[in-house]
Amino acid sequence: MQKRSCQFCNFPIEKEWSFCPQCGRPLKSQGINVSGVNIDVTKMVQEILPQVLNGALNGSIYADYTEKRRKETPKRDFSAKEIIEPEDLVSKHGNTVIHAISLPGVKNRSDIDISHMQNSIEVRAKNRDRVYLKILKRDSKQSVISEEFANENLVLVLRKTN
């Protein structure tokens, strides 16, 4: 067995390990294969993570925006012939949990409905003939601090509050 170190925290790790036992970050690239196109979600999350965490740490993102959004968004029709559970890459960093959800064919943020329940979050998205439905379990003390949609991927950042 060959030893190497984690590129994030320099903890000594075995070559065949997939995750660092110290910081929990993936050591190998994790991709999503959608219609023959391989999307490297790990790199996407690593690019977005510093921006999201920087905004959250500076206090520019507040958890109370969800109440305003609920009042503003009208109900949409999410009926379709085919309901699919989308791919979800989960990344944990301390009290922060990041969900990167692949929604192929969904072009606009207006085609996505996010419902916040007490112990879960329900994500519904629609393209022409499909509905994507993903139910994310969460701790009742976690709140959504960021929602971003880009390149047919929805990134939700949850943080545990005391």
N, C-alpha and C. Protein backbone atom coordinates (compact mmCIF):
# COMPACT_ATOMS: atom_id res chain seq x y z
N MET A 1 0.83 -1.18 0.00
CA MET A 1 0.00 0.00 0.00
C MET A 1 0.88 1.24 0.00
N GLN A 2 0.58 2.12 -0.92
CA GLN A 2 1.35 3.35 -1.02
C GLN A 2 0.65 4.46 -0.27
N LYS A 3 1.45 5.28 0.38
CA LYS A 3 0.90 6.41 1.13
C LYS A 3 1.02 7.67 0.27
N ARG A 4 0.04 8.53 0.43
CA ARG A 4 0.08 9.86 -0.16
C ARG A 4 -0.65 10.78 0.81
N SER A 5 -0.75 12.06 0.47
CA SER A 5 -1.42 12.98 1.39
C SER A 5 -2.58 13.67 0.69
N CYS A 6 -3.58 14.04 1.49
CA CYS A 6 -4.77 14.74 0.99
C CYS A 6 -4.33 16.11 0.48
N GLN A 7 -4.83 16.49 -0.70
CA GLN A 7 -4.44 17.77 -1.28
C GLN A 7 -5.09 18.95 -0.56
N PHE A 8 -6.06 18.69 0.32
CA PHE A 8 -6.75 19.76 1.03
C PHE A 8 -6.19 19.98 2.43
N CYS A 9 -5.94 18.88 3.18
CA CYS A 9 -5.50 19.03 4.58
C CYS A 9 -4.14 18.38 4.85
N ASN A 10 -3.52 17.76 3.85
CA ASN A 10 -2.21 17.10 3.95
C ASN A 10 -2.18 15.94 4.95
N PHE A 11 -3.33 15.34 5.22
CA PHE A 11 -3.41 14.17 6.09
C PHE A 11 -2.91 12.96 5.30
N PRO A 12 -2.07 12.08 5.90
CA PRO A 12 -1.59 10.90 5.17
C PRO A 12 -2.74 9.92 4.89
N ILE A 13 -2.84 9.49 3.64
CA ILE A 13 -3.93 8.61 3.22
C ILE A 13 -3.38 7.47 2.38
N GLU A 14 -4.16 6.41 2.26
CA GLU A 14 -3.82 5.28 1.42
C GLU A 14 -4.22 5.58 -0.02
N LYS A 15 -3.54 4.99 -0.97
CA LYS A 15 -3.79 5.29 -2.38
C LYS A 15 -5.19 4.87 -2.84
N GLU A 16 -5.70 3.76 -2.31
CA GLU A 16 -6.99 3.26 -2.78
C GLU A 16 -8.20 3.90 -2.09
N TRP A 17 -8.00 4.78 -1.12
CA TRP A 17 -9.10 5.44 -0.44
C TRP A 17 -9.79 6.43 -1.35
N SER A 18 -11.11 6.57 -1.20
CA SER A 18 -11.88 7.51 -2.01
C SER A 18 -12.11 8.84 -1.31
N PHE A 19 -12.09 8.83 0.03
CA PHE A 19 -12.34 10.04 0.80
C PHE A 19 -11.27 10.19 1.87
N CYS A 20 -10.95 11.42 2.21
CA CYS A 20 -10.00 11.70 3.29
C CYS A 20 -10.69 11.50 4.63
N PRO A 21 -10.12 10.69 5.55
CA PRO A 21 -10.76 10.48 6.84
C PRO A 21 -10.68 11.71 7.75
N GLN A 22 -9.77 12.61 7.46
CA GLN A 22 -9.60 13.81 8.28
C GLN A 22 -10.62 14.90 7.93
N CYS A 23 -10.68 15.30 6.64
CA CYS A 23 -11.55 16.42 6.25
C CYS A 23 -12.80 15.95 5.51
N GLY A 24 -12.86 14.67 5.07
CA GLY A 24 -14.06 14.14 4.44
C GLY A 24 -14.21 14.48 2.97
N ARG A 25 -13.23 15.12 2.38
CA ARG A 25 -13.35 15.50 0.97
C ARG A 25 -13.04 14.32 0.06
N PRO A 26 -13.68 14.28 -1.12
CA PRO A 26 -13.41 13.19 -2.05
C PRO A 26 -12.01 13.31 -2.63
N LEU A 27 -11.32 12.18 -2.73
CA LEU A 27 -9.97 12.16 -3.27
C LEU A 27 -9.96 11.87 -4.76
N LYS A 28 -11.02 11.23 -5.22
CA LYS A 28 -11.15 10.92 -6.63
C LYS A 28 -12.29 11.74 -7.19
N SER A 29 -12.20 12.06 -8.45
CA SER A 29 -13.23 12.86 -9.10
C SER A 29 -14.53 12.09 -9.16
N GLN A 30 -15.64 12.76 -8.80
CA GLN A 30 -16.95 12.14 -8.85
C GLN A 30 -17.75 12.83 -9.93
N GLY A 31 -18.12 12.08 -10.94
CA GLY A 31 -18.84 12.67 -12.06
C GLY A 31 -20.23 12.08 -12.20
N ILE A 32 -21.05 12.77 -12.95
CA ILE A 32 -22.39 12.31 -13.27
C ILE A 32 -22.44 12.12 -14.78
N ASN A 33 -22.89 10.94 -15.21
CA ASN A 33 -22.99 10.67 -16.63
C ASN A 33 -24.44 10.91 -17.05
N VAL A 34 -24.65 11.95 -17.86
CA VAL A 34 -25.99 12.31 -18.31
C VAL A 34 -26.01 12.24 -19.84
N SER A 35 -26.76 11.32 -20.37
CA SER A 35 -26.91 11.15 -21.82
C SER A 35 -25.55 11.04 -22.52
N GLY A 36 -24.64 10.30 -21.93
CA GLY A 36 -23.33 10.09 -22.55
C GLY A 36 -22.34 11.21 -22.29
N VAL A 37 -22.74 12.27 -21.60
CA VAL A 37 -21.84 13.37 -21.28
C VAL A 37 -21.47 13.26 -19.81
N ASN A 38 -20.17 13.17 -19.52
CA ASN A 38 -19.72 13.03 -18.14
C ASN A 38 -19.47 14.41 -17.55
N ILE A 39 -20.18 14.75 -16.48
CA ILE A 39 -20.05 16.04 -15.83
C ILE A 39 -19.28 15.83 -14.54
N ASP A 40 -18.16 16.54 -14.37
CA ASP A 40 -17.35 16.43 -13.17
C ASP A 40 -17.92 17.36 -12.10
N VAL A 41 -18.75 16.81 -11.24
CA VAL A 41 -19.45 17.60 -10.23
C VAL A 41 -18.50 18.02 -9.12
N THR A 42 -17.48 17.21 -8.83
CA THR A 42 -16.55 17.56 -7.77
C THR A 42 -15.86 18.88 -8.07
N LYS A 43 -15.40 19.05 -9.30
CA LYS A 43 -14.74 20.30 -9.68
C LYS A 43 -15.73 21.46 -9.61
N MET A 44 -16.98 21.22 -10.03
CA MET A 44 -17.99 22.27 -10.00
C MET A 44 -18.23 22.72 -8.56
N VAL A 45 -18.36 21.77 -7.65
CA VAL A 45 -18.59 22.11 -6.24
C VAL A 45 -17.38 22.83 -5.66
N GLN A 46 -16.17 22.39 -6.02
CA GLN A 46 -14.96 23.04 -5.52
C GLN A 46 -14.84 24.47 -6.02
N GLU A 47 -15.34 24.75 -7.23
CA GLU A 47 -15.30 26.11 -7.75
C GLU A 47 -16.34 26.99 -7.08
N ILE A 48 -17.52 26.44 -6.80
CA ILE A 48 -18.61 27.22 -6.23
C ILE A 48 -18.47 27.37 -4.72
N LEU A 49 -17.92 26.36 -4.05
CA LEU A 49 -17.85 26.34 -2.59
C LEU A 49 -17.20 27.58 -1.98
N PRO A 50 -16.01 28.02 -2.42
CA PRO A 50 -15.42 29.21 -1.79
C PRO A 50 -16.29 30.45 -1.92
N GLN A 51 -16.95 30.61 -3.07
CA GLN A 51 -17.81 31.78 -3.26
C GLN A 51 -19.00 31.72 -2.31
N VAL A 52 -19.61 30.55 -2.18
CA VAL A 52 -20.79 30.40 -1.33
C VAL A 52 -20.41 30.59 0.13
N LEU A 53 -19.34 29.92 0.57
CA LEU A 53 -18.93 30.03 1.96
C LEU A 53 -18.45 31.43 2.30
N ASN A 54 -17.79 32.10 1.37
CA ASN A 54 -17.34 33.46 1.60
C ASN A 54 -18.53 34.38 1.82
N GLY A 55 -19.56 34.23 1.00
CA GLY A 55 -20.77 35.04 1.17
C GLY A 55 -21.47 34.72 2.47
N ALA A 56 -21.49 33.44 2.85
CA ALA A 56 -22.18 33.04 4.08
C ALA A 56 -21.42 33.53 5.31
N LEU A 57 -20.09 33.49 5.25
CA LEU A 57 -19.30 33.92 6.40
C LEU A 57 -19.30 35.43 6.56
N ASN A 58 -19.44 36.16 5.46
CA ASN A 58 -19.49 37.61 5.54
C ASN A 58 -20.85 38.12 5.97
N GLY A 59 -21.82 37.25 6.08
CA GLY A 59 -23.15 37.66 6.51
C GLY A 59 -24.01 38.18 5.38
N SER A 60 -23.60 37.96 4.13
CA SER A 60 -24.38 38.47 3.01
C SER A 60 -25.53 37.54 2.64
N ILE A 61 -25.54 36.34 3.19
CA ILE A 61 -26.61 35.39 2.92
C ILE A 61 -27.37 35.18 4.22
N TYR A 62 -28.66 35.37 4.18
CA TYR A 62 -29.48 35.21 5.38
C TYR A 62 -30.47 34.08 5.17
N ALA A 63 -30.78 33.37 6.24
CA ALA A 63 -31.70 32.24 6.16
C ALA A 63 -33.16 32.68 6.08
N ASP A 64 -33.47 33.92 6.44
CA ASP A 64 -34.86 34.34 6.48
C ASP A 64 -35.41 34.72 5.11
N TYR A 65 -34.63 34.60 4.05
CA TYR A 65 -35.12 34.93 2.71
C TYR A 65 -36.14 33.91 2.22
N THR A 66 -36.14 32.70 2.78
CA THR A 66 -37.03 31.65 2.29
C THR A 66 -38.49 31.99 2.53
N GLU A 67 -38.81 32.69 3.63
CA GLU A 67 -40.20 33.06 3.87
C GLU A 67 -40.71 34.01 2.79
N LYS A 68 -39.89 34.97 2.41
CA LYS A 68 -40.28 35.92 1.36
C LYS A 68 -40.48 35.19 0.04
N ARG A 69 -39.59 34.26 -0.26
CA ARG A 69 -39.67 33.54 -1.52
C ARG A 69 -40.94 32.69 -1.59
N ARG A 70 -41.33 32.08 -0.48
CA ARG A 70 -42.53 31.25 -0.46
C ARG A 70 -43.77 32.07 -0.81
N LYS A 71 -43.83 33.29 -0.31
CA LYS A 71 -44.99 34.13 -0.57
C LYS A 71 -45.03 34.60 -2.02
N GLU A 72 -43.87 34.82 -2.63
CA GLU A 72 -43.80 35.37 -3.98
C GLU A 72 -44.04 34.34 -5.07
N THR A 73 -43.64 33.09 -4.87
CA THR A 73 -43.70 32.10 -5.94
C THR A 73 -45.09 31.48 -6.06
N PRO A 74 -45.70 31.57 -7.23
CA PRO A 74 -46.98 30.91 -7.45
C PRO A 74 -46.76 29.41 -7.67
N LYS A 75 -47.79 28.61 -7.46
CA LYS A 75 -47.71 27.17 -7.69
C LYS A 75 -47.63 26.89 -9.18
N ARG A 76 -46.77 25.93 -9.55
CA ARG A 76 -46.60 25.56 -10.95
C ARG A 76 -47.16 24.16 -11.18
N ASP A 77 -47.44 23.87 -12.43
CA ASP A 77 -47.95 22.56 -12.80
C ASP A 77 -46.76 21.63 -13.05
N PHE A 78 -46.61 20.61 -12.22
CA PHE A 78 -45.52 19.67 -12.36
C PHE A 78 -46.04 18.28 -12.72
N SER A 79 -47.04 18.23 -13.59
CA SER A 79 -47.54 16.93 -14.03
C SER A 79 -46.81 16.52 -15.31
N ALA A 80 -46.43 15.26 -15.38
CA ALA A 80 -45.74 14.74 -16.56
C ALA A 80 -45.90 13.22 -16.58
N LYS A 81 -45.54 12.65 -17.71
CA LYS A 81 -45.65 11.19 -17.86
C LYS A 81 -44.56 10.47 -17.07
N GLU A 82 -43.39 11.08 -16.98
CA GLU A 82 -42.24 10.41 -16.39
C GLU A 82 -41.70 11.22 -15.21
N ILE A 83 -41.57 10.58 -14.05
CA ILE A 83 -40.99 11.22 -12.87
C ILE A 83 -39.67 10.53 -12.58
N ILE A 84 -38.60 11.33 -12.47
CA ILE A 84 -37.25 10.79 -12.30
C ILE A 84 -36.64 11.38 -11.04
N GLU A 85 -35.89 10.55 -10.30
CA GLU A 85 -35.11 11.06 -9.18
C GLU A 85 -33.73 11.44 -9.71
N PRO A 86 -33.35 12.71 -9.62
CA PRO A 86 -32.07 13.15 -10.20
C PRO A 86 -30.87 12.73 -9.35
N GLU A 87 -29.69 12.78 -9.98
CA GLU A 87 -28.44 12.50 -9.29
C GLU A 87 -28.17 13.61 -8.28
N ASP A 88 -27.62 13.25 -7.12
CA ASP A 88 -27.34 14.21 -6.06
C ASP A 88 -25.96 13.90 -5.49
N LEU A 89 -25.07 14.87 -5.54
CA LEU A 89 -23.75 14.72 -4.94
C LEU A 89 -23.75 15.53 -3.65
N VAL A 90 -23.49 14.85 -2.53
CA VAL A 90 -23.53 15.50 -1.22
C VAL A 90 -22.10 15.67 -0.72
N SER A 91 -21.82 16.86 -0.23
CA SER A 91 -20.50 17.17 0.30
C SER A 91 -20.68 17.83 1.67
N LYS A 92 -19.97 17.34 2.69
CA LYS A 92 -20.09 17.89 4.04
C LYS A 92 -18.79 18.57 4.43
N HIS A 93 -18.92 19.76 4.99
CA HIS A 93 -17.78 20.55 5.44
C HIS A 93 -18.13 21.16 6.79
N GLY A 94 -17.83 20.47 7.89
CA GLY A 94 -18.17 20.96 9.22
C GLY A 94 -19.68 21.00 9.41
N ASN A 95 -20.23 22.18 9.70
CA ASN A 95 -21.68 22.34 9.89
C ASN A 95 -22.39 22.61 8.58
N THR A 96 -21.67 22.62 7.47
CA THR A 96 -22.24 22.94 6.16
C THR A 96 -22.38 21.68 5.32
N VAL A 97 -23.55 21.52 4.70
CA VAL A 97 -23.81 20.40 3.79
C VAL A 97 -24.18 20.99 2.44
N ILE A 98 -23.53 20.51 1.38
CA ILE A 98 -23.78 21.02 0.04
C ILE A 98 -24.36 19.90 -0.81
N HIS A 99 -25.51 20.18 -1.43
CA HIS A 99 -26.16 19.24 -2.34
C HIS A 99 -26.02 19.80 -3.75
N ALA A 100 -25.38 19.06 -4.64
CA ALA A 100 -25.31 19.42 -6.06
C ALA A 100 -26.21 18.45 -6.81
N ILE A 101 -27.34 18.96 -7.31
CA ILE A 101 -28.35 18.12 -7.95
C ILE A 101 -28.34 18.38 -9.45
N SER A 102 -28.15 17.32 -10.23
CA SER A 102 -28.13 17.43 -11.69
C SER A 102 -29.55 17.36 -12.23
N LEU A 103 -29.95 18.38 -12.99
CA LEU A 103 -31.29 18.46 -13.57
C LEU A 103 -31.18 18.63 -15.09
N PRO A 104 -30.87 17.56 -15.84
CA PRO A 104 -30.69 17.67 -17.28
C PRO A 104 -31.97 18.15 -17.98
N GLY A 105 -31.81 19.11 -18.86
CA GLY A 105 -32.93 19.61 -19.64
C GLY A 105 -33.66 20.78 -19.00
N VAL A 106 -33.40 21.06 -17.73
CA VAL A 106 -34.03 22.20 -17.05
C VAL A 106 -33.17 23.42 -17.34
N LYS A 107 -33.77 24.42 -17.96
CA LYS A 107 -33.00 25.58 -18.42
C LYS A 107 -33.11 26.80 -17.51
N ASN A 108 -34.28 26.98 -16.86
CA ASN A 108 -34.51 28.20 -16.08
C ASN A 108 -34.77 27.88 -14.62
N ARG A 109 -34.40 28.80 -13.75
CA ARG A 109 -34.67 28.67 -12.32
C ARG A 109 -36.18 28.68 -12.06
N SER A 110 -36.94 29.31 -12.95
CA SER A 110 -38.39 29.37 -12.78
C SER A 110 -39.06 28.00 -12.98
N ASP A 111 -38.34 27.03 -13.54
CA ASP A 111 -38.87 25.68 -13.73
C ASP A 111 -38.61 24.78 -12.51
N ILE A 112 -38.09 25.36 -11.44
CA ILE A 112 -37.75 24.60 -10.24
C ILE A 112 -38.57 25.13 -9.07
N ASP A 113 -39.13 24.19 -8.30
CA ASP A 113 -39.88 24.55 -7.10
C ASP A 113 -39.22 23.85 -5.91
N ILE A 114 -38.87 24.62 -4.89
CA ILE A 114 -38.23 24.07 -3.70
C ILE A 114 -39.16 24.32 -2.52
N SER A 115 -39.60 23.22 -1.89
CA SER A 115 -40.49 23.31 -0.72
C SER A 115 -39.71 22.91 0.52
N HIS A 116 -39.74 23.76 1.52
CA HIS A 116 -39.02 23.52 2.77
C HIS A 116 -39.99 22.94 3.79
N MET A 117 -39.73 21.71 4.19
CA MET A 117 -40.53 21.04 5.21
C MET A 117 -39.74 21.06 6.52
N GLN A 118 -40.32 20.53 7.59
CA GLN A 118 -39.64 20.56 8.88
C GLN A 118 -38.36 19.72 8.87
N ASN A 119 -38.42 18.50 8.32
CA ASN A 119 -37.26 17.61 8.32
C ASN A 119 -36.78 17.23 6.93
N SER A 120 -37.24 17.94 5.91
CA SER A 120 -36.82 17.62 4.55
C SER A 120 -37.00 18.83 3.64
N ILE A 121 -36.42 18.72 2.47
CA ILE A 121 -36.57 19.72 1.42
C ILE A 121 -36.99 18.96 0.17
N GLU A 122 -38.05 19.41 -0.47
CA GLU A 122 -38.55 18.76 -1.68
C GLU A 122 -38.20 19.64 -2.88
N VAL A 123 -37.47 19.06 -3.82
CA VAL A 123 -37.08 19.78 -5.03
C VAL A 123 -37.82 19.17 -6.20
N ARG A 124 -38.60 19.99 -6.90
CA ARG A 124 -39.30 19.57 -8.11
C ARG A 124 -38.82 20.45 -9.25
N ALA A 125 -38.49 19.81 -10.36
CA ALA A 125 -38.06 20.55 -11.54
C ALA A 125 -38.69 19.90 -12.77
N LYS A 126 -38.95 20.72 -13.77
CA LYS A 126 -39.62 20.21 -14.96
C LYS A 126 -38.92 20.70 -16.22
N ASN A 127 -38.68 19.75 -17.13
CA ASN A 127 -38.32 20.14 -18.49
C ASN A 127 -39.53 19.79 -19.35
N ARG A 128 -39.39 19.64 -20.63
CA ARG A 128 -40.57 19.46 -21.50
C ARG A 128 -41.47 18.29 -21.12
N ASP A 129 -40.88 17.10 -20.96
CA ASP A 129 -41.71 15.91 -20.75
C ASP A 129 -41.38 15.13 -19.48
N ARG A 130 -40.47 15.64 -18.67
CA ARG A 130 -40.08 14.93 -17.45
C ARG A 130 -40.22 15.84 -16.23
N VAL A 131 -40.48 15.21 -15.11
CA VAL A 131 -40.46 15.91 -13.83
C VAL A 131 -39.39 15.25 -12.97
N TYR A 132 -38.51 16.06 -12.42
CA TYR A 132 -37.50 15.57 -11.49
C TYR A 132 -38.00 15.83 -10.08
N LEU A 133 -37.91 14.82 -9.23
CA LEU A 133 -38.35 14.94 -7.84
C LEU A 133 -37.26 14.40 -6.94
N LYS A 134 -36.78 15.23 -6.04
CA LYS A 134 -35.75 14.82 -5.09
C LYS A 134 -36.16 15.30 -3.71
N ILE A 135 -36.18 14.38 -2.75
CA ILE A 135 -36.48 14.73 -1.37
C ILE A 135 -35.19 14.60 -0.57
N LEU A 136 -34.75 15.71 -0.01
CA LEU A 136 -33.50 15.76 0.76
C LEU A 136 -33.84 15.76 2.25
N LYS A 137 -33.34 14.78 2.96
CA LYS A 137 -33.56 14.75 4.41
C LYS A 137 -32.60 15.75 5.05
N ARG A 138 -33.09 16.40 6.11
CA ARG A 138 -32.25 17.36 6.81
C ARG A 138 -32.60 17.37 8.28
N ASP A 139 -31.69 17.87 9.06
CA ASP A 139 -31.91 18.06 10.49
C ASP A 139 -32.81 19.27 10.66
N SER A 140 -33.67 19.26 11.66
CA SER A 140 -34.58 20.39 11.85
C SER A 140 -33.83 21.68 12.20
N LYS A 141 -32.57 21.56 12.62
CA LYS A 141 -31.77 22.74 12.95
C LYS A 141 -31.00 23.28 11.74
N GLN A 142 -31.09 22.60 10.60
CA GLN A 142 -30.40 23.07 9.40
C GLN A 142 -31.29 24.03 8.63
N SER A 143 -30.68 25.07 8.10
CA SER A 143 -31.43 25.99 7.25
C SER A 143 -30.68 26.17 5.94
N VAL A 144 -31.42 26.48 4.89
CA VAL A 144 -30.82 26.70 3.57
C VAL A 144 -30.25 28.11 3.57
N ILE A 145 -28.94 28.21 3.30
CA ILE A 145 -28.33 29.54 3.26
C ILE A 145 -28.05 29.99 1.84
N SER A 146 -28.13 29.06 0.87
CA SER A 146 -27.88 29.45 -0.51
C SER A 146 -28.53 28.46 -1.47
N GLU A 147 -29.11 29.01 -2.55
CA GLU A 147 -29.66 28.21 -3.65
C GLU A 147 -29.11 28.82 -4.93
N GLU A 148 -28.40 28.02 -5.72
CA GLU A 148 -27.86 28.51 -6.98
C GLU A 148 -28.17 27.51 -8.08
N PHE A 149 -28.56 28.03 -9.24
CA PHE A 149 -28.86 27.18 -10.40
C PHE A 149 -28.03 27.67 -11.57
N ALA A 150 -27.20 26.77 -12.11
CA ALA A 150 -26.37 27.10 -13.27
C ALA A 150 -26.02 25.82 -14.00
N ASN A 151 -26.01 25.88 -15.33
CA ASN A 151 -25.60 24.74 -16.17
C ASN A 151 -26.36 23.46 -15.83
N GLU A 152 -27.68 23.58 -15.67
CA GLU A 152 -28.56 22.45 -15.39
C GLU A 152 -28.22 21.75 -14.07
N ASN A 153 -27.60 22.47 -13.14
CA ASN A 153 -27.27 21.93 -11.82
C ASN A 153 -27.78 22.89 -10.75
N LEU A 154 -28.43 22.34 -9.75
CA LEU A 154 -28.92 23.11 -8.62
C LEU A 154 -28.01 22.81 -7.43
N VAL A 155 -27.48 23.86 -6.81
CA VAL A 155 -26.61 23.70 -5.65
C VAL A 155 -27.32 24.31 -4.44
N LEU A 156 -27.60 23.47 -3.45
CA LEU A 156 -28.22 23.92 -2.20
C LEU A 156 -27.19 23.80 -1.08
N VAL A 157 -27.03 24.86 -0.32
CA VAL A 157 -26.10 24.86 0.80
C VAL A 157 -26.92 24.97 2.09
N LEU A 158 -26.74 23.98 2.97
CA LEU A 158 -27.45 23.95 4.25
C LEU A 158 -26.44 24.12 5.37
N ARG A 159 -26.84 24.84 6.41
CA ARG A 159 -25.95 25.03 7.55
C ARG A 159 -26.74 24.81 8.83
N LYS A 160 -26.12 24.11 9.77
CA LYS A 160 -26.76 23.85 11.06
C LYS A 160 -26.62 25.10 11.92
N THR A 161 -27.75 25.53 12.50
CA THR A 161 -27.75 26.67 13.40
C THR A 161 -27.95 26.18 14.82
N ASN A 162 -27.42 26.91 15.76
CA ASN A 162 -27.53 26.49 17.17
C ASN A 162 -28.81 26.94 17.79
